[in-house]
Amino acid sequence: MRTLNQVNVGETVTITKVNGKGPLKRRIMDMGLTKGTELFVRKVAPLGDPIELHVRGFELSVRKLEAEQIEVE
């Protein structure tokens, strides 16, 4: 499996698992990033942080630390 921070710009992927513990996992899930959600990677900042996503009809930016906790296919 690969994680969200390894996805290239322009790819559409589906979340298979959200790792992490406690507040970090809760924060990711509260943003709507749950298992089975499809998302499109719009942009990545020059240094790789943050990553801009299109998910559930809105734009969302996530930090590299958060993206590393999300497994996708």
C-alpha atoms as a PDB file:
ATOM      1  CA  MET A   1       0.000   0.000   0.000  1.00  0.00           C
ATOM      2  CA  ARG A   2       1.026   3.568  -0.532  1.00  0.00           C
ATOM      3  CA  THR A   3       0.155   6.604   1.506  1.00  0.00           C
ATOM      4  CA  LEU A   4      -1.414   9.877   0.417  1.00  0.00           C
ATOM      5  CA  ASN A   5       1.895  11.755   0.489  1.00  0.00           C
ATOM      6  CA  GLN A   6       3.194   9.394  -2.250  1.00  0.00           C
ATOM      7  CA  VAL A   7       0.363  10.158  -4.697  1.00  0.00           C
ATOM      8  CA  ASN A   8       1.190  12.291  -7.737  1.00  0.00           C
ATOM      9  CA  VAL A   9      -0.635  15.478  -8.701  1.00  0.00           C
ATOM     10  CA  GLY A  10      -3.617  14.728 -10.942  1.00  0.00           C
ATOM     11  CA  GLU A  11      -4.312  11.243  -9.543  1.00  0.00           C
ATOM     12  CA  THR A  12      -7.619  10.124  -8.091  1.00  0.00           C
ATOM     13  CA  VAL A  13      -7.362   7.609  -5.250  1.00  0.00           C
ATOM     14  CA  THR A  14      -9.575   5.925  -2.669  1.00  0.00           C
ATOM     15  CA  ILE A  15      -8.791   5.811   1.045  1.00  0.00           C
ATOM     16  CA  THR A  16      -8.347   2.255   2.325  1.00  0.00           C
ATOM     17  CA  LYS A  17      -7.236   2.931   5.894  1.00  0.00           C
ATOM     18  CA  VAL A  18      -6.584   5.801   8.299  1.00  0.00           C
ATOM     19  CA  ASN A  19      -3.679   5.130  10.662  1.00  0.00           C
ATOM     20  CA  GLY A  20      -2.587   7.181  13.648  1.00  0.00           C
ATOM     21  CA  LYS A  21      -3.834   7.426  17.185  1.00  0.00           C
ATOM     22  CA  GLY A  22      -5.792   9.790  19.359  1.00  0.00           C
ATOM     23  CA  PRO A  23      -6.232  13.411  18.305  1.00  0.00           C
ATOM     24  CA  LEU A  24      -4.383  13.054  14.984  1.00  0.00           C
ATOM     25  CA  LYS A  25      -6.632  10.239  13.737  1.00  0.00           C
ATOM     26  CA  ARG A  26      -9.720  12.083  14.998  1.00  0.00           C
ATOM     27  CA  ARG A  27      -8.667  15.280  13.187  1.00  0.00           C
ATOM     28  CA  ILE A  28      -8.191  13.404   9.908  1.00  0.00           C
ATOM     29  CA  MET A  29     -11.582  11.731  10.193  1.00  0.00           C
ATOM     30  CA  ASP A  30     -13.301  15.002  11.191  1.00  0.00           C
ATOM     31  CA  MET A  31     -12.081  16.528   7.910  1.00  0.00           C
ATOM     32  CA  GLY A  32     -14.094  13.875   6.040  1.00  0.00           C
ATOM     33  CA  LEU A  33     -11.153  11.633   5.163  1.00  0.00           C
ATOM     34  CA  THR A  34     -12.606   8.243   6.014  1.00  0.00           C
ATOM     35  CA  LYS A  35     -12.300   4.744   4.552  1.00  0.00           C
ATOM     36  CA  GLY A  36     -13.845   4.489   1.083  1.00  0.00           C
ATOM     37  CA  THR A  37     -13.669   8.212   0.331  1.00  0.00           C
ATOM     38  CA  GLU A  38     -12.445   9.109  -3.147  1.00  0.00           C
ATOM     39  CA  LEU A  39     -10.150  12.104  -3.478  1.00  0.00           C
ATOM     40  CA  PHE A  40      -8.279  13.972  -6.188  1.00  0.00           C
ATOM     41  CA  VAL A  41      -4.811  15.446  -5.599  1.00  0.00           C
ATOM     42  CA  ARG A  42      -4.916  18.990  -7.055  1.00  0.00           C
ATOM     43  CA  LYS A  43      -1.591  20.501  -5.995  1.00  0.00           C
ATOM     44  CA  VAL A  44       1.459  19.897  -3.852  1.00  0.00           C
ATOM     45  CA  ALA A  45       3.476  22.799  -2.450  1.00  0.00           C
ATOM     46  CA  PRO A  46       7.091  23.089  -3.661  1.00  0.00           C
ATOM     47  CA  LEU A  47       8.501  21.530  -0.501  1.00  0.00           C
ATOM     48  CA  GLY A  48       5.749  18.888  -0.362  1.00  0.00           C
ATOM     49  CA  ASP A  49       3.780  20.461   2.471  1.00  0.00           C
ATOM     50  CA  PRO A  50       0.786  21.036   2.323  1.00  0.00           C
ATOM     51  CA  ILE A  51      -1.084  18.900  -0.203  1.00  0.00           C
ATOM     52  CA  GLU A  52      -4.286  20.294  -1.723  1.00  0.00           C
ATOM     53  CA  LEU A  53      -7.104  17.796  -2.287  1.00  0.00           C
ATOM     54  CA  HIS A  54     -10.567  17.831  -3.824  1.00  0.00           C
ATOM     55  CA  VAL A  55     -12.748  15.641  -1.634  1.00  0.00           C
ATOM     56  CA  ARG A  56     -16.536  15.409  -1.225  1.00  0.00           C
ATOM     57  CA  GLY A  57     -17.087  18.507  -3.355  1.00  0.00           C
ATOM     58  CA  PHE A  58     -14.708  20.859  -1.542  1.00  0.00           C
ATOM     59  CA  GLU A  59     -11.027  21.788  -1.466  1.00  0.00           C
ATOM     60  CA  LEU A  60      -8.948  20.637   1.496  1.00  0.00           C
ATOM     61  CA  SER A  61      -5.294  21.105   2.392  1.00  0.00           C
ATOM     62  CA  VAL A  62      -3.551  18.533   4.578  1.00  0.00           C
ATOM     63  CA  ARG A  63      -0.098  18.529   6.083  1.00  0.00           C
ATOM     64  CA  LYS A  64       2.486  15.980   5.060  1.00  0.00           C
ATOM     65  CA  LEU A  65       2.321  14.463   8.574  1.00  0.00           C
ATOM     66  CA  GLU A  66      -1.419  13.864   8.162  1.00  0.00           C
ATOM     67  CA  ALA A  67      -1.020  12.549   4.599  1.00  0.00           C
ATOM     68  CA  GLU A  68       1.487   9.935   5.807  1.00  0.00           C
ATOM     69  CA  GLN A  69      -1.247   8.425   8.013  1.00  0.00           C
ATOM     70  CA  ILE A  70      -3.697   7.832   5.136  1.00  0.00           C
ATOM     71  CA  GLU A  71      -3.340   4.647   3.077  1.00  0.00           C
ATOM     72  CA  VAL A  72      -4.778   4.794  -0.454  1.00  0.00           C
ATOM     73  CA  GLU A  73      -5.189   2.616  -3.537  1.00  0.00           C
END
